[in-house]
Amino acid sequence: MTEEKKTVKKTTAKTTKKAAPVKATAKKAVADVKLSNATYATGKRKDSVARVYLVAGKGQIIVNGMPMTEYFRRPVLQMIIAQPFGITKRETAYDVHAIVMGGGLSGQAGAVKHGISKALEKAEPDLRKTLKAAGFLTRDSRVVERKHFGRHKARRSTQFSKR
């Protein structure tokens, strides 16, 4: 016995994709910071870029419109970001508003740390010696190597075949 396969054509209505709404809170917060006399610096690490605005305040760190503890949930990343303030003993002297793009969380934390260090140096030039000695003003230029043709990854060779 033969079975007949019935094919049912589904008609799909054309859907228009709308762009995701941009968080206005992050842009608004930075717009407010730009108007007041903020110190600006750009920090970079791996593929991440952080725009950091430093304002005299109570020590709040806001990343992409969220408190640092919410954006960077791992304590290690929070510690990395707080290092420039700890080494210069300025934990409660400044508020930080950072906008971070690209890369992963580890690279973003390093970019924010680099940006905070550069902004602190601009705000108080006498801190340069301390920050430079700790290595916070140097951009960590290590990036992922590109994949090469004929290989599985950048360095990983193909599997050996005896036959």
C-alpha atoms as a PDB file:
ATOM      1  CA  MET A   1       0.000   0.000   0.000  1.00  0.00           C
ATOM      2  CA  THR A   2       1.227   3.436  -0.849  1.00  0.00           C
ATOM      3  CA  GLU A   3       0.900   6.323   1.426  1.00  0.00           C
ATOM      4  CA  GLU A   4       0.306   9.714   0.042  1.00  0.00           C
ATOM      5  CA  LYS A   5       2.281  12.475   1.569  1.00  0.00           C
ATOM      6  CA  LYS A   6       0.422  15.656   1.884  1.00  0.00           C
ATOM      7  CA  THR A   7       2.494  18.757   1.900  1.00  0.00           C
ATOM      8  CA  VAL A   8       1.014  21.755   3.477  1.00  0.00           C
ATOM      9  CA  LYS A   9       2.354  25.088   2.472  1.00  0.00           C
ATOM     10  CA  LYS A  10       2.471  27.527   5.272  1.00  0.00           C
ATOM     11  CA  THR A  11       1.948  31.083   4.331  1.00  0.00           C
ATOM     12  CA  THR A  12       4.020  33.429   6.333  1.00  0.00           C
ATOM     13  CA  ALA A  13       3.179  37.037   6.687  1.00  0.00           C
ATOM     14  CA  LYS A  14       6.032  39.378   6.048  1.00  0.00           C
ATOM     15  CA  THR A  15       7.298  40.734   9.302  1.00  0.00           C
ATOM     16  CA  THR A  16       9.280  43.893   9.527  1.00  0.00           C
ATOM     17  CA  LYS A  17      12.135  43.826  11.959  1.00  0.00           C
ATOM     18  CA  LYS A  18      12.375  46.829  14.166  1.00  0.00           C
ATOM     19  CA  ALA A  19      15.648  47.943  15.630  1.00  0.00           C
ATOM     20  CA  ALA A  20      16.056  47.297  19.327  1.00  0.00           C
ATOM     21  CA  PRO A  21      15.481  50.416  21.382  1.00  0.00           C
ATOM     22  CA  VAL A  22      18.699  51.991  22.624  1.00  0.00           C
ATOM     23  CA  LYS A  23      18.906  52.431  26.357  1.00  0.00           C
ATOM     24  CA  ALA A  24      18.299  56.097  26.862  1.00  0.00           C
ATOM     25  CA  THR A  25      19.409  55.962  30.486  1.00  0.00           C
ATOM     26  CA  ALA A  26      23.059  55.310  29.603  1.00  0.00           C
ATOM     27  CA  LYS A  27      23.123  58.082  27.015  1.00  0.00           C
ATOM     28  CA  LYS A  28      21.269  60.469  29.316  1.00  0.00           C
ATOM     29  CA  ALA A  29      23.636  59.782  32.214  1.00  0.00           C
ATOM     30  CA  VAL A  30      26.672  60.428  30.036  1.00  0.00           C
ATOM     31  CA  ALA A  31      25.078  63.545  28.537  1.00  0.00           C
ATOM     32  CA  ASP A  32      24.645  64.915  32.067  1.00  0.00           C
ATOM     33  CA  VAL A  33      28.242  64.055  32.882  1.00  0.00           C
ATOM     34  CA  LYS A  34      29.569  65.739  29.751  1.00  0.00           C
ATOM     35  CA  LEU A  35      27.911  68.998  30.735  1.00  0.00           C
ATOM     36  CA  SER A  36      29.532  69.111  34.152  1.00  0.00           C
ATOM     37  CA  ASN A  37      33.290  69.373  34.178  1.00  0.00           C
ATOM     38  CA  ALA A  38      34.153  65.697  33.811  1.00  0.00           C
ATOM     39  CA  THR A  39      37.542  64.260  33.012  1.00  0.00           C
ATOM     40  CA  TYR A  40      37.336  62.010  29.949  1.00  0.00           C
ATOM     41  CA  ALA A  41      39.627  59.160  28.935  1.00  0.00           C
ATOM     42  CA  THR A  42      39.468  56.141  26.646  1.00  0.00           C
ATOM     43  CA  GLY A  43      40.633  52.745  27.866  1.00  0.00           C
ATOM     44  CA  LYS A  44      41.306  49.714  25.690  1.00  0.00           C
ATOM     45  CA  ARG A  45      41.929  46.008  26.293  1.00  0.00           C
ATOM     46  CA  LYS A  46      41.694  43.146  23.761  1.00  0.00           C
ATOM     47  CA  ASP A  47      38.702  44.082  21.566  1.00  0.00           C
ATOM     48  CA  SER A  48      36.995  46.233  24.218  1.00  0.00           C
ATOM     49  CA  VAL A  49      36.872  50.011  24.252  1.00  0.00           C
ATOM     50  CA  ALA A  50      35.705  51.979  27.299  1.00  0.00           C
ATOM     51  CA  ARG A  51      34.789  55.655  27.365  1.00  0.00           C
ATOM     52  CA  VAL A  52      35.285  56.789  30.953  1.00  0.00           C
ATOM     53  CA  TYR A  53      34.021  60.005  32.532  1.00  0.00           C
ATOM     54  CA  LEU A  54      35.440  60.884  35.958  1.00  0.00           C
ATOM     55  CA  VAL A  55      33.517  63.308  38.181  1.00  0.00           C
ATOM     56  CA  ALA A  56      34.132  64.371  41.771  1.00  0.00           C
ATOM     57  CA  GLY A  57      31.702  62.376  43.906  1.00  0.00           C
ATOM     58  CA  LYS A  58      31.226  59.561  46.410  1.00  0.00           C
ATOM     59  CA  GLY A  59      32.858  56.607  44.654  1.00  0.00           C
ATOM     60  CA  GLN A  60      30.001  55.238  42.549  1.00  0.00           C
ATOM     61  CA  ILE A  61      30.987  53.326  39.419  1.00  0.00           C
ATOM     62  CA  ILE A  62      28.315  53.102  36.710  1.00  0.00           C
ATOM     63  CA  VAL A  63      28.958  50.966  33.625  1.00  0.00           C
ATOM     64  CA  ASN A  64      26.538  51.194  30.668  1.00  0.00           C
ATOM     65  CA  GLY A  65      23.877  52.743  32.896  1.00  0.00           C
ATOM     66  CA  MET A  66      24.107  49.988  35.542  1.00  0.00           C
ATOM     67  CA  PRO A  67      26.004  49.869  38.845  1.00  0.00           C
ATOM     68  CA  MET A  68      29.333  48.094  38.547  1.00  0.00           C
ATOM     69  CA  THR A  69      28.201  45.248  40.849  1.00  0.00           C
ATOM     70  CA  GLU A  70      25.322  44.422  38.503  1.00  0.00           C
ATOM     71  CA  TYR A  71      27.239  44.693  35.224  1.00  0.00           C
ATOM     72  CA  PHE A  72      30.374  42.887  36.441  1.00  0.00           C
ATOM     73  CA  ARG A  73      29.003  40.232  38.804  1.00  0.00           C
ATOM     74  CA  ARG A  74      32.287  38.396  39.346  1.00  0.00           C
ATOM     75  CA  PRO A  75      34.238  39.796  42.331  1.00  0.00           C
ATOM     76  CA  VAL A  76      37.523  39.444  40.422  1.00  0.00           C
ATOM     77  CA  LEU A  77      36.315  41.845  37.720  1.00  0.00           C
ATOM     78  CA  GLN A  78      35.060  44.303  40.354  1.00  0.00           C
ATOM     79  CA  MET A  79      38.466  44.148  42.040  1.00  0.00           C
ATOM     80  CA  ILE A  80      40.220  44.834  38.718  1.00  0.00           C
ATOM     81  CA  ILE A  81      38.146  47.971  38.163  1.00  0.00           C
ATOM     82  CA  ALA A  82      38.757  49.257  41.701  1.00  0.00           C
ATOM     83  CA  GLN A  83      42.559  48.815  41.550  1.00  0.00           C
ATOM     84  CA  PRO A  84      43.445  52.344  40.289  1.00  0.00           C
ATOM     85  CA  PHE A  85      41.463  53.906  43.144  1.00  0.00           C
ATOM     86  CA  GLY A  86      42.980  51.560  45.714  1.00  0.00           C
ATOM     87  CA  ILE A  87      46.573  52.192  44.704  1.00  0.00           C
ATOM     88  CA  THR A  88      46.067  55.987  44.699  1.00  0.00           C
ATOM     89  CA  LYS A  89      43.860  55.981  47.853  1.00  0.00           C
ATOM     90  CA  ARG A  90      40.978  57.755  46.065  1.00  0.00           C
ATOM     91  CA  GLU A  91      38.167  55.184  46.689  1.00  0.00           C
ATOM     92  CA  THR A  92      35.513  57.765  47.617  1.00  0.00           C
ATOM     93  CA  ALA A  93      36.837  60.795  45.747  1.00  0.00           C
ATOM     94  CA  TYR A  94      35.364  60.242  42.272  1.00  0.00           C
ATOM     95  CA  ASP A  95      32.270  58.891  40.525  1.00  0.00           C
ATOM     96  CA  VAL A  96      32.830  56.964  37.298  1.00  0.00           C
ATOM     97  CA  HIS A  97      30.477  56.771  34.321  1.00  0.00           C
ATOM     98  CA  ALA A  98      31.735  54.304  31.722  1.00  0.00           C
ATOM     99  CA  ILE A  99      30.394  53.178  28.356  1.00  0.00           C
ATOM    100  CA  VAL A 100      31.944  49.900  27.234  1.00  0.00           C
ATOM    101  CA  MET A 101      31.676  48.214  23.832  1.00  0.00           C
ATOM    102  CA  GLY A 102      33.125  45.073  22.292  1.00  0.00           C
ATOM    103  CA  GLY A 103      34.874  42.005  23.607  1.00  0.00           C
ATOM    104  CA  GLY A 104      33.969  39.952  26.670  1.00  0.00           C
ATOM    105  CA  LEU A 105      33.577  40.849  30.311  1.00  0.00           C
ATOM    106  CA  SER A 106      37.244  40.326  31.167  1.00  0.00           C
ATOM    107  CA  GLY A 107      38.410  42.621  28.367  1.00  0.00           C
ATOM    108  CA  GLN A 108      35.761  45.188  29.257  1.00  0.00           C
ATOM    109  CA  ALA A 109      36.885  45.252  32.887  1.00  0.00           C
ATOM    110  CA  GLY A 110      40.475  45.783  31.758  1.00  0.00           C
ATOM    111  CA  ALA A 111      39.368  48.573  29.425  1.00  0.00           C
ATOM    112  CA  VAL A 112      37.481  50.349  32.227  1.00  0.00           C
ATOM    113  CA  LYS A 113      40.525  50.003  34.506  1.00  0.00           C
ATOM    114  CA  HIS A 114      42.774  51.497  31.805  1.00  0.00           C
ATOM    115  CA  GLY A 115      40.315  54.348  31.205  1.00  0.00           C
ATOM    116  CA  ILE A 116      39.981  55.122  34.927  1.00  0.00           C
ATOM    117  CA  SER A 117      43.777  55.211  35.273  1.00  0.00           C
ATOM    118  CA  LYS A 118      44.159  57.605  32.345  1.00  0.00           C
ATOM    119  CA  ALA A 119      41.352  59.835  33.640  1.00  0.00           C
ATOM    120  CA  LEU A 120      42.873  59.912  37.132  1.00  0.00           C
ATOM    121  CA  GLU A 121      46.183  60.967  35.615  1.00  0.00           C
ATOM    122  CA  LYS A 122      44.458  63.788  33.719  1.00  0.00           C
ATOM    123  CA  ALA A 123      42.555  64.932  36.809  1.00  0.00           C
ATOM    124  CA  GLU A 124      45.589  64.779  39.121  1.00  0.00           C
ATOM    125  CA  PRO A 125      48.899  64.769  37.213  1.00  0.00           C
ATOM    126  CA  ASP A 126      50.856  64.051  40.422  1.00  0.00           C
ATOM    127  CA  LEU A 127      49.359  60.526  40.468  1.00  0.00           C
ATOM    128  CA  ARG A 128      51.159  59.619  37.236  1.00  0.00           C
ATOM    129  CA  LYS A 129      54.213  58.198  39.000  1.00  0.00           C
ATOM    130  CA  THR A 130      52.109  55.843  41.150  1.00  0.00           C
ATOM    131  CA  LEU A 131      49.901  54.676  38.274  1.00  0.00           C
ATOM    132  CA  LYS A 132      52.845  54.233  35.891  1.00  0.00           C
ATOM    133  CA  ALA A 133      54.802  52.183  38.442  1.00  0.00           C
ATOM    134  CA  ALA A 134      51.807  49.849  38.855  1.00  0.00           C
ATOM    135  CA  GLY A 135      51.561  49.490  35.048  1.00  0.00           C
ATOM    136  CA  PHE A 136      47.997  50.839  34.802  1.00  0.00           C
ATOM    137  CA  LEU A 137      48.752  53.486  32.157  1.00  0.00           C
ATOM    138  CA  THR A 138      50.173  50.985  29.677  1.00  0.00           C
ATOM    139  CA  ARG A 139      47.681  49.538  27.211  1.00  0.00           C
ATOM    140  CA  ASP A 140      47.814  45.741  27.256  1.00  0.00           C
ATOM    141  CA  SER A 141      48.234  45.138  23.527  1.00  0.00           C
ATOM    142  CA  ARG A 142      47.731  41.363  23.556  1.00  0.00           C
ATOM    143  CA  VAL A 143      44.948  40.398  21.161  1.00  0.00           C
ATOM    144  CA  VAL A 144      43.763  37.096  19.715  1.00  0.00           C
ATOM    145  CA  GLU A 145      45.842  35.935  16.772  1.00  0.00           C
ATOM    146  CA  ARG A 146      43.998  35.503  13.492  1.00  0.00           C
ATOM    147  CA  LYS A 147      43.164  32.085  12.091  1.00  0.00           C
ATOM    148  CA  HIS A 148      45.566  30.965   9.371  1.00  0.00           C
ATOM    149  CA  PHE A 149      44.658  29.186   6.167  1.00  0.00           C
ATOM    150  CA  GLY A 150      44.976  25.401   6.267  1.00  0.00           C
ATOM    151  CA  ARG A 151      44.951  25.222  10.057  1.00  0.00           C
ATOM    152  CA  HIS A 152      42.209  24.506  12.554  1.00  0.00           C
ATOM    153  CA  LYS A 153      42.910  27.628  14.623  1.00  0.00           C
ATOM    154  CA  ALA A 154      45.684  30.206  14.631  1.00  0.00           C
ATOM    155  CA  ARG A 155      48.409  27.712  15.608  1.00  0.00           C
ATOM    156  CA  ARG A 156      46.605  24.358  15.819  1.00  0.00           C
ATOM    157  CA  SER A 157      47.775  22.143  12.970  1.00  0.00           C
ATOM    158  CA  THR A 158      45.712  19.599  11.093  1.00  0.00           C
ATOM    159  CA  GLN A 159      45.492  16.072  12.499  1.00  0.00           C
ATOM    160  CA  PHE A 160      48.191  13.690  11.281  1.00  0.00           C
ATOM    161  CA  SER A 161      46.972  10.892   9.023  1.00  0.00           C
ATOM    162  CA  LYS A 162      49.225   7.933   8.381  1.00  0.00           C
ATOM    163  CA  ARG A 163      47.232   6.952   5.275  1.00  0.00           C
END
